[in-house]
């Protein structure tokens, strides 16, 4: 067996240096746990950055992939694809949307949403109406359109010129959005809860106020639910907490139980702006990914994992707030369901490393916010374990 140091050295030589990787090689996963190539066990509170919401290697997803891989892995979208049709039907039955466009990632879904918003506006209002308003501390992906939509300067450096037509305003500030709308604006793009930006939860009235602005100014409302959708917040979609529906929504991450997929959903009225030839994706909606998606979505519904996220997520946030009372370094605890952020008064990288040394994988974003994204199958037992470890690590700082 190749030694860990040799594997990491090989990766450092052969793979682009675009990630700050931790010095472990994960080789196996089951449920809530993963193992490295030396046999060490870890509790995974990162879940592949909210991808493995069913846990690792969920039996229904594994079986679906095995069956599909032995039957048909890929055909072109020039033909009808049965698993794709089944997944689109399920999404339509359980969301505001009528149609789905499938791609391979969240960034691609956001690109599709940007294109659809502009195409729809062009068809309805003519040229010159292409602007999109997005929010400070947002994150929408790494492709050129998605990174331009991401209102964080650190992701823009070195990639000028960015895509024209984007305006950035503070999150959770509808007055700022109203002031930013111009005759060139066609859409507002927002995460119902910001994940990468620090687990920022808006006021209850915020999304409804954005819907009002869109209604008044004839704009499209786009929700990016790539990270917070599909049960993560305790509802099937995060916007359901606020009683507001969008015109377009993006999904990815957990949609196929760990297999790469993205989806852009829209109402029939808006979707009609895309006609044959206006947008495409070679691998988008392929049989393998969509078969996994059908299995993952079925498991999400049948096992009532959104309901579990609401119940256990409430317990998690309560325990983290109790932790805050014991440690002055915790400025704030934020979240909804099973996305939780612990904002510290110092960088969180050392906390992440110490938790990993104790067998717990967590994440830090925005330099000071510890982020927990456990599988939706989590129980209070695992909550107690991670809270105890955080208590130990913070006490030792």
Foldseek 3Di string as FASTA:
>chain_A
DDDLVVVVVVCVVPPDPPDPDDSFAWDDWDFQWTATPVGAIFGEQCCVVQQQQRTPPDVLLVVLLVVCVVPFFFDFPVDDFVLLVVLQVVPCVQAVFDGKWKAFAQLVLVVVVLLLLQLLCCVVPNPQARAEEEEALAARDLPQQRLVNHNDVVSVPPPPPGDPRYDYDHPQDLVRVLVPDDPNYAEYEYACFGALSFRHHHDLCRVVSVVVSCVVNVHFYEYECQNPACLQQLDNGSCVSNVDHTQKYKYFRHQLNNGGMIMIGGYPSSVVSDDPPSDDYGCTSTNSSSSSNSSSSVCCVVVVLSNLLQVLVVVLQVLVVVLCVVFVQFPDWHHGRFKIKTFGPAFCPVVQVQSVVVRYHWDDHPRGIIIGRGHSVDDVVVSVVVSVSSSVSRVVD
